[in-house]
Amino acid sequence: MAIAITLQQYLDEHHVPYDVMAHARTMTARETARACEIPADRLAKAVVLRDGGGYLMAVLPASCQLDKAQLWRLLHRPVELADEDEAASLFKDCEVGAIPAMGQAYGLETVVDERLEKAPEVWIEAGDHQHLVHLAGERFRELMAGARHGSFAHA
């Protein structure tokens, strides 16, 4: 699989140009950034969370970790990490652990860390452990315009 069909359809429906980059199989976002020789702060990673109402996605740079306390303050509600089985049920066209940082393509509320707002270009997982989708920063921001933005990541 080069790109998850749900992600591909979403990008095509929004007329967003993108490139797909193949890379050696990796298992973490930081490994992927190193393998692809891209700055980890421009690789957007997805963290799937759950709250009392269902699931949501936090999108943050691969160079950072999620600060749940900051996210709770931003959302005004507690959230917990979803487990791999829960994430797999939401992202059926993706490999476990290779979720595209584009929650709205999958009908999920999405929150984006402000560190990604000025990136000139952004890469996201394509849905497997061997491909990335490359987007112009402007296009990424357009796609994320409806998401809540804030500071909830730390290096």
N, C-alpha and C. Protein backbone atom coordinates (compact mmCIF):
# COMPACT_ATOMS: atom_id res chain seq x y z
N MET A 1 0.85 -1.18 0.00
CA MET A 1 0.00 0.00 0.00
C MET A 1 0.89 1.24 0.00
N ALA A 2 0.67 2.14 -0.89
CA ALA A 2 1.43 3.39 -0.90
C ALA A 2 0.74 4.46 -0.06
N ILE A 3 -0.58 4.50 -0.10
CA ILE A 3 -1.32 5.50 0.67
C ILE A 3 -2.70 4.92 1.00
N ALA A 4 -3.14 5.12 2.23
CA ALA A 4 -4.45 4.63 2.65
C ALA A 4 -5.53 5.25 1.77
N ILE A 5 -6.47 4.44 1.34
CA ILE A 5 -7.50 4.91 0.40
C ILE A 5 -8.33 6.05 0.99
N THR A 6 -8.63 6.00 2.28
CA THR A 6 -9.41 7.08 2.90
C THR A 6 -8.65 8.39 2.83
N LEU A 7 -7.36 8.36 3.12
CA LEU A 7 -6.54 9.56 3.04
C LEU A 7 -6.44 10.06 1.61
N GLN A 8 -6.20 9.15 0.68
CA GLN A 8 -6.10 9.54 -0.72
C GLN A 8 -7.38 10.21 -1.21
N GLN A 9 -8.52 9.62 -0.89
CA GLN A 9 -9.80 10.21 -1.29
C GLN A 9 -10.00 11.58 -0.68
N TYR A 10 -9.65 11.73 0.59
CA TYR A 10 -9.81 13.01 1.27
C TYR A 10 -8.95 14.10 0.60
N LEU A 11 -7.69 13.78 0.34
CA LEU A 11 -6.82 14.76 -0.31
C LEU A 11 -7.30 15.09 -1.72
N ASP A 12 -7.74 14.08 -2.45
CA ASP A 12 -8.24 14.31 -3.81
C ASP A 12 -9.52 15.14 -3.81
N GLU A 13 -10.44 14.85 -2.87
CA GLU A 13 -11.69 15.62 -2.77
C GLU A 13 -11.43 17.08 -2.46
N HIS A 14 -10.36 17.36 -1.74
CA HIS A 14 -10.01 18.74 -1.39
C HIS A 14 -9.01 19.36 -2.36
N HIS A 15 -8.73 18.64 -3.44
CA HIS A 15 -7.85 19.13 -4.51
C HIS A 15 -6.49 19.57 -3.96
N VAL A 16 -5.94 18.74 -3.09
CA VAL A 16 -4.66 19.05 -2.46
C VAL A 16 -3.56 18.27 -3.17
N PRO A 17 -2.60 18.96 -3.76
CA PRO A 17 -1.47 18.25 -4.36
C PRO A 17 -0.57 17.69 -3.27
N TYR A 18 -0.04 16.51 -3.52
CA TYR A 18 0.83 15.86 -2.55
C TYR A 18 1.76 14.91 -3.28
N ASP A 19 2.83 14.55 -2.61
CA ASP A 19 3.77 13.55 -3.09
C ASP A 19 3.78 12.40 -2.10
N VAL A 20 4.05 11.22 -2.58
CA VAL A 20 4.24 10.06 -1.70
C VAL A 20 5.71 9.68 -1.73
N MET A 21 6.30 9.57 -0.56
CA MET A 21 7.72 9.24 -0.43
C MET A 21 7.85 7.84 0.18
N ALA A 22 8.54 6.96 -0.53
CA ALA A 22 8.82 5.62 0.01
C ALA A 22 10.07 5.70 0.89
N HIS A 23 10.10 4.87 1.92
CA HIS A 23 11.27 4.82 2.80
C HIS A 23 11.41 3.42 3.38
N ALA A 24 12.55 3.16 3.97
CA ALA A 24 12.78 1.88 4.64
C ALA A 24 11.76 1.74 5.77
N ARG A 25 11.35 0.52 6.04
CA ARG A 25 10.36 0.27 7.08
C ARG A 25 10.86 0.81 8.43
N THR A 26 10.02 1.60 9.08
CA THR A 26 10.32 2.16 10.40
C THR A 26 9.12 1.95 11.30
N MET A 27 9.35 2.03 12.61
CA MET A 27 8.27 1.77 13.55
C MET A 27 7.91 2.97 14.43
N THR A 28 8.71 4.02 14.40
CA THR A 28 8.37 5.22 15.17
C THR A 28 8.52 6.44 14.26
N ALA A 29 7.86 7.51 14.66
CA ALA A 29 7.93 8.74 13.87
C ALA A 29 9.34 9.30 13.83
N ARG A 30 10.03 9.25 14.94
CA ARG A 30 11.41 9.76 14.95
C ARG A 30 12.32 8.93 14.05
N GLU A 31 12.15 7.60 14.06
CA GLU A 31 12.92 6.74 13.15
C GLU A 31 12.62 7.11 11.70
N THR A 32 11.36 7.38 11.42
CA THR A 32 10.94 7.73 10.05
C THR A 32 11.62 9.03 9.63
N ALA A 33 11.61 10.03 10.49
CA ALA A 33 12.25 11.30 10.16
C ALA A 33 13.73 11.10 9.86
N ARG A 34 14.40 10.30 10.70
CA ARG A 34 15.83 10.03 10.46
C ARG A 34 16.03 9.29 9.14
N ALA A 35 15.24 8.25 8.91
CA ALA A 35 15.39 7.45 7.69
C ALA A 35 15.15 8.28 6.43
N CYS A 36 14.24 9.23 6.52
CA CYS A 36 13.88 10.06 5.36
C CYS A 36 14.70 11.34 5.27
N GLU A 37 15.53 11.57 6.29
CA GLU A 37 16.35 12.78 6.34
C GLU A 37 15.51 14.04 6.24
N ILE A 38 14.43 14.05 7.03
CA ILE A 38 13.58 15.23 7.11
C ILE A 38 13.57 15.71 8.57
N PRO A 39 13.38 16.99 8.79
CA PRO A 39 13.34 17.49 10.16
C PRO A 39 12.15 16.88 10.92
N ALA A 40 12.41 16.36 12.11
CA ALA A 40 11.36 15.72 12.89
C ALA A 40 10.25 16.70 13.27
N ASP A 41 10.57 18.00 13.28
CA ASP A 41 9.53 18.97 13.63
C ASP A 41 8.60 19.28 12.44
N ARG A 42 8.89 18.67 11.29
CA ARG A 42 8.01 18.82 10.13
C ARG A 42 7.26 17.53 9.79
N LEU A 43 7.53 16.49 10.55
CA LEU A 43 6.78 15.24 10.41
C LEU A 43 5.67 15.26 11.45
N ALA A 44 4.43 15.36 10.99
CA ALA A 44 3.28 15.42 11.90
C ALA A 44 2.88 14.00 12.28
N LYS A 45 2.84 13.75 13.58
CA LYS A 45 2.42 12.42 14.03
C LYS A 45 1.04 12.52 14.65
N ALA A 46 0.32 11.41 14.59
CA ALA A 46 -1.04 11.34 15.12
C ALA A 46 -1.05 10.57 16.42
N VAL A 47 -1.78 11.10 17.39
CA VAL A 47 -2.02 10.40 18.65
C VAL A 47 -3.53 10.28 18.79
N VAL A 48 -4.02 9.06 18.85
CA VAL A 48 -5.46 8.82 18.97
C VAL A 48 -5.83 8.77 20.45
N LEU A 49 -6.84 9.54 20.79
CA LEU A 49 -7.28 9.68 22.17
C LEU A 49 -8.77 9.36 22.28
N ARG A 50 -9.21 9.12 23.50
CA ARG A 50 -10.64 8.92 23.73
C ARG A 50 -11.06 9.75 24.93
N ASP A 51 -12.33 10.13 24.90
CA ASP A 51 -12.94 10.80 26.04
C ASP A 51 -14.33 10.20 26.21
N GLY A 52 -15.14 10.77 27.04
CA GLY A 52 -16.47 10.23 27.27
C GLY A 52 -17.35 10.19 26.04
N GLY A 53 -17.05 11.03 25.04
CA GLY A 53 -17.89 11.11 23.85
C GLY A 53 -17.39 10.32 22.66
N GLY A 54 -16.23 9.76 22.75
CA GLY A 54 -15.69 9.02 21.61
C GLY A 54 -14.21 9.25 21.45
N TYR A 55 -13.78 9.39 20.19
CA TYR A 55 -12.36 9.47 19.87
C TYR A 55 -12.03 10.81 19.23
N LEU A 56 -10.78 11.21 19.38
CA LEU A 56 -10.27 12.39 18.72
C LEU A 56 -8.80 12.16 18.42
N MET A 57 -8.22 13.04 17.62
CA MET A 57 -6.83 12.92 17.23
C MET A 57 -6.08 14.18 17.59
N ALA A 58 -4.93 14.01 18.21
CA ALA A 58 -4.00 15.11 18.43
C ALA A 58 -2.89 14.97 17.39
N VAL A 59 -2.55 16.07 16.74
CA VAL A 59 -1.51 16.10 15.72
C VAL A 59 -0.38 16.99 16.24
N LEU A 60 0.82 16.43 16.30
CA LEU A 60 1.96 17.17 16.82
C LEU A 60 3.22 16.76 16.10
N PRO A 61 4.28 17.56 16.21
CA PRO A 61 5.52 17.20 15.53
C PRO A 61 6.13 15.92 16.09
N ALA A 62 6.78 15.16 15.25
CA ALA A 62 7.43 13.92 15.68
C ALA A 62 8.56 14.20 16.67
N SER A 63 9.05 15.42 16.70
CA SER A 63 10.12 15.80 17.62
C SER A 63 9.61 16.02 19.04
N CYS A 64 8.31 15.94 19.24
CA CYS A 64 7.71 16.27 20.53
C CYS A 64 6.93 15.11 21.11
N GLN A 65 6.57 15.29 22.37
CA GLN A 65 5.68 14.35 23.05
C GLN A 65 4.42 15.09 23.48
N LEU A 66 3.35 14.35 23.57
CA LEU A 66 2.07 14.91 23.98
C LEU A 66 2.10 15.26 25.46
N ASP A 67 1.64 16.45 25.79
CA ASP A 67 1.47 16.88 27.17
C ASP A 67 -0.02 16.82 27.46
N LYS A 68 -0.46 15.72 28.08
CA LYS A 68 -1.89 15.52 28.32
C LYS A 68 -2.50 16.61 29.18
N ALA A 69 -1.76 17.11 30.15
CA ALA A 69 -2.30 18.17 31.02
C ALA A 69 -2.60 19.43 30.20
N GLN A 70 -1.69 19.80 29.31
CA GLN A 70 -1.92 20.96 28.44
C GLN A 70 -3.11 20.71 27.51
N LEU A 71 -3.22 19.50 27.00
CA LEU A 71 -4.33 19.18 26.10
C LEU A 71 -5.65 19.23 26.86
N TRP A 72 -5.68 18.73 28.07
CA TRP A 72 -6.90 18.80 28.88
C TRP A 72 -7.33 20.26 29.06
N ARG A 73 -6.36 21.13 29.35
CA ARG A 73 -6.68 22.56 29.53
C ARG A 73 -7.22 23.17 28.24
N LEU A 74 -6.65 22.77 27.11
CA LEU A 74 -7.11 23.30 25.82
C LEU A 74 -8.52 22.82 25.50
N LEU A 75 -8.79 21.55 25.74
CA LEU A 75 -10.08 20.96 25.38
C LEU A 75 -11.15 21.13 26.46
N HIS A 76 -10.72 21.46 27.67
CA HIS A 76 -11.64 21.58 28.81
C HIS A 76 -12.33 20.27 29.13
N ARG A 77 -11.59 19.16 28.90
CA ARG A 77 -12.10 17.85 29.26
C ARG A 77 -10.94 16.86 29.30
N PRO A 78 -11.06 15.85 30.14
CA PRO A 78 -9.98 14.85 30.20
C PRO A 78 -10.02 13.91 29.00
N VAL A 79 -8.85 13.49 28.59
CA VAL A 79 -8.72 12.51 27.50
C VAL A 79 -7.70 11.47 27.93
N GLU A 80 -7.81 10.30 27.34
CA GLU A 80 -6.88 9.21 27.59
C GLU A 80 -6.39 8.68 26.26
N LEU A 81 -5.22 8.07 26.26
CA LEU A 81 -4.71 7.45 25.05
C LEU A 81 -5.59 6.26 24.68
N ALA A 82 -5.94 6.16 23.40
CA ALA A 82 -6.66 4.98 22.91
C ALA A 82 -5.64 3.86 22.75
N ASP A 83 -6.07 2.63 22.93
CA ASP A 83 -5.14 1.53 22.75
C ASP A 83 -5.06 1.15 21.27
N GLU A 84 -4.14 0.26 20.94
CA GLU A 84 -3.91 -0.11 19.53
C GLU A 84 -5.13 -0.74 18.90
N ASP A 85 -5.89 -1.55 19.65
CA ASP A 85 -7.10 -2.18 19.10
C ASP A 85 -8.15 -1.12 18.76
N GLU A 86 -8.30 -0.13 19.63
CA GLU A 86 -9.25 0.94 19.36
C GLU A 86 -8.84 1.71 18.10
N ALA A 87 -7.56 2.06 18.02
CA ALA A 87 -7.08 2.80 16.86
C ALA A 87 -7.24 1.98 15.58
N ALA A 88 -6.95 0.69 15.66
CA ALA A 88 -7.08 -0.18 14.49
C ALA A 88 -8.53 -0.22 13.99
N SER A 89 -9.48 -0.17 14.91
CA SER A 89 -10.89 -0.21 14.50
C SER A 89 -11.32 1.08 13.81
N LEU A 90 -10.64 2.18 14.10
CA LEU A 90 -10.96 3.47 13.47
C LEU A 90 -10.26 3.65 12.13
N PHE A 91 -9.09 3.05 11.99
CA PHE A 91 -8.25 3.23 10.80
C PHE A 91 -8.05 1.88 10.12
N LYS A 92 -9.14 1.33 9.61
CA LYS A 92 -9.14 -0.02 9.06
C LYS A 92 -8.26 -0.17 7.82
N ASP A 93 -8.01 0.94 7.11
CA ASP A 93 -7.18 0.86 5.90
C ASP A 93 -5.71 1.20 6.18
N CYS A 94 -5.33 1.20 7.44
CA CYS A 94 -3.96 1.52 7.83
C CYS A 94 -3.35 0.39 8.63
N GLU A 95 -2.02 0.31 8.56
CA GLU A 95 -1.30 -0.63 9.41
C GLU A 95 -1.31 -0.09 10.84
N VAL A 96 -1.29 -0.99 11.79
CA VAL A 96 -1.24 -0.60 13.20
C VAL A 96 0.00 0.28 13.42
N GLY A 97 -0.22 1.44 14.04
CA GLY A 97 0.88 2.33 14.34
C GLY A 97 1.30 3.25 13.22
N ALA A 98 0.61 3.23 12.10
CA ALA A 98 0.96 4.08 10.95
C ALA A 98 -0.24 4.94 10.55
N ILE A 99 -0.79 5.64 11.51
CA ILE A 99 -2.02 6.41 11.30
C ILE A 99 -1.69 7.78 10.71
N PRO A 100 -2.36 8.16 9.63
CA PRO A 100 -2.14 9.49 9.04
C PRO A 100 -2.61 10.58 9.99
N ALA A 101 -1.84 11.63 10.10
CA ALA A 101 -2.17 12.77 10.95
C ALA A 101 -3.18 13.67 10.24
N MET A 102 -4.32 13.10 9.93
CA MET A 102 -5.38 13.79 9.21
C MET A 102 -6.70 13.22 9.71
N GLY A 103 -6.98 13.43 11.00
CA GLY A 103 -8.15 12.85 11.65
C GLY A 103 -9.46 13.15 10.96
N GLN A 104 -9.59 14.35 10.42
CA GLN A 104 -10.85 14.72 9.78
C GLN A 104 -11.16 13.84 8.56
N ALA A 105 -10.15 13.26 7.93
CA ALA A 105 -10.39 12.33 6.83
C ALA A 105 -11.15 11.10 7.31
N TYR A 106 -11.01 10.80 8.60
CA TYR A 106 -11.65 9.63 9.20
C TYR A 106 -12.82 10.02 10.10
N GLY A 107 -13.25 11.27 10.00
CA GLY A 107 -14.40 11.74 10.78
C GLY A 107 -14.10 12.01 12.24
N LEU A 108 -12.84 12.22 12.59
CA LEU A 108 -12.47 12.47 13.97
C LEU A 108 -12.24 13.95 14.23
N GLU A 109 -12.69 14.40 15.40
CA GLU A 109 -12.30 15.72 15.86
C GLU A 109 -10.78 15.74 15.91
N THR A 110 -10.19 16.83 15.47
CA THR A 110 -8.74 16.92 15.39
C THR A 110 -8.27 18.19 16.07
N VAL A 111 -7.19 18.07 16.82
CA VAL A 111 -6.56 19.21 17.46
C VAL A 111 -5.09 19.21 17.03
N VAL A 112 -4.58 20.38 16.65
CA VAL A 112 -3.24 20.50 16.07
C VAL A 112 -2.35 21.36 16.96
N ASP A 113 -1.16 20.87 17.23
CA ASP A 113 -0.23 21.67 18.01
C ASP A 113 0.28 22.83 17.17
N GLU A 114 0.37 24.00 17.80
CA GLU A 114 0.75 25.22 17.08
C GLU A 114 2.17 25.18 16.52
N ARG A 115 3.00 24.24 16.96
CA ARG A 115 4.36 24.15 16.42
C ARG A 115 4.35 23.81 14.92
N LEU A 116 3.27 23.23 14.43
CA LEU A 116 3.18 22.87 13.00
C LEU A 116 2.65 24.02 12.14
N GLU A 117 2.20 25.11 12.76
CA GLU A 117 1.53 26.18 12.03
C GLU A 117 2.42 26.96 11.08
N LYS A 118 3.71 26.97 11.33
CA LYS A 118 4.60 27.76 10.47
C LYS A 118 5.51 26.91 9.61
N ALA A 119 5.34 25.61 9.65
CA ALA A 119 6.22 24.72 8.87
C ALA A 119 6.01 24.98 7.37
N PRO A 120 7.08 25.16 6.62
CA PRO A 120 6.94 25.39 5.18
C PRO A 120 6.47 24.16 4.42
N GLU A 121 6.69 22.99 5.00
CA GLU A 121 6.22 21.74 4.42
C GLU A 121 6.00 20.75 5.56
N VAL A 122 5.09 19.80 5.33
CA VAL A 122 4.74 18.84 6.36
C VAL A 122 4.63 17.46 5.73
N TRP A 123 5.12 16.47 6.46
CA TRP A 123 4.98 15.07 6.06
C TRP A 123 4.06 14.39 7.07
N ILE A 124 3.27 13.44 6.59
CA ILE A 124 2.43 12.63 7.47
C ILE A 124 2.53 11.17 7.04
N GLU A 125 2.26 10.27 7.98
CA GLU A 125 2.21 8.85 7.63
C GLU A 125 1.17 8.65 6.54
N ALA A 126 1.45 7.74 5.63
CA ALA A 126 0.53 7.46 4.53
C ALA A 126 -0.42 6.31 4.85
N GLY A 127 -0.20 5.64 5.98
CA GLY A 127 -1.06 4.53 6.35
C GLY A 127 -0.32 3.21 6.49
N ASP A 128 0.98 3.23 6.18
CA ASP A 128 1.81 2.04 6.42
C ASP A 128 3.15 2.51 6.99
N HIS A 129 4.05 1.59 7.20
CA HIS A 129 5.33 1.93 7.81
C HIS A 129 6.43 2.17 6.78
N GLN A 130 6.04 2.36 5.50
CA GLN A 130 7.04 2.52 4.45
C GLN A 130 6.78 3.70 3.51
N HIS A 131 5.77 4.52 3.83
CA HIS A 131 5.46 5.66 2.96
C HIS A 131 5.02 6.86 3.77
N LEU A 132 5.38 8.05 3.26
CA LEU A 132 4.93 9.31 3.83
C LEU A 132 4.23 10.11 2.74
N VAL A 133 3.32 10.95 3.16
CA VAL A 133 2.69 11.92 2.26
C VAL A 133 3.32 13.27 2.56
N HIS A 134 3.77 13.94 1.53
CA HIS A 134 4.42 15.25 1.64
C HIS A 134 3.45 16.32 1.14
N LEU A 135 3.20 17.32 1.98
CA LEU A 135 2.29 18.42 1.65
C LEU A 135 3.00 19.75 1.83
N ALA A 136 2.64 20.73 1.01
CA ALA A 136 3.11 22.09 1.26
C ALA A 136 2.49 22.53 2.59
N GLY A 137 3.25 23.29 3.37
CA GLY A 137 2.75 23.75 4.66
C GLY A 137 1.43 24.50 4.54
N GLU A 138 1.31 25.31 3.50
CA GLU A 138 0.08 26.07 3.28
C GLU A 138 -1.13 25.14 3.10
N ARG A 139 -0.95 24.08 2.35
CA ARG A 139 -2.04 23.11 2.11
C ARG A 139 -2.40 22.38 3.41
N PHE A 140 -1.38 22.00 4.18
CA PHE A 140 -1.62 21.35 5.46
C PHE A 140 -2.45 22.27 6.36
N ARG A 141 -2.08 23.53 6.43
CA ARG A 141 -2.82 24.49 7.26
C ARG A 141 -4.24 24.68 6.77
N GLU A 142 -4.44 24.68 5.45
CA GLU A 142 -5.81 24.78 4.91
C GLU A 142 -6.65 23.59 5.35
N LEU A 143 -6.07 22.39 5.27
CA LEU A 143 -6.80 21.20 5.68
C LEU A 143 -7.10 21.20 7.18
N MET A 144 -6.23 21.81 7.96
CA MET A 144 -6.39 21.84 9.41
C MET A 144 -7.12 23.10 9.90
N ALA A 145 -7.62 23.91 9.00
CA ALA A 145 -8.26 25.17 9.39
C ALA A 145 -9.45 24.95 10.34
N GLY A 146 -10.18 23.87 10.17
CA GLY A 146 -11.34 23.60 11.03
C GLY A 146 -11.00 22.93 12.34
N ALA A 147 -9.75 22.58 12.53
CA ALA A 147 -9.33 21.91 13.77
C ALA A 147 -9.02 22.96 14.83
N ARG A 148 -9.11 22.54 16.07
CA ARG A 148 -8.68 23.41 17.17
C ARG A 148 -7.16 23.40 17.20
N HIS A 149 -6.57 24.57 17.48
CA HIS A 149 -5.11 24.71 17.52
C HIS A 149 -4.71 25.18 18.92
N GLY A 150 -3.55 24.73 19.37
CA GLY A 150 -3.05 25.16 20.66
C GLY A 150 -1.69 24.55 20.94
N SER A 151 -1.23 24.78 22.16
CA SER A 151 0.07 24.27 22.58
C SER A 151 -0.13 23.11 23.54
N PHE A 152 0.23 21.91 23.11
CA PHE A 152 0.08 20.72 23.96
C PHE A 152 1.19 19.71 23.73
N ALA A 153 2.31 20.17 23.18
CA ALA A 153 3.45 19.29 22.92
C ALA A 153 4.69 19.86 23.57
N HIS A 154 5.60 19.00 23.96
CA HIS A 154 6.88 19.46 24.47
C HIS A 154 7.99 18.59 23.91
N ALA A 155 9.16 19.19 23.77
CA ALA A 155 10.30 18.47 23.17
C ALA A 155 10.88 17.47 24.13
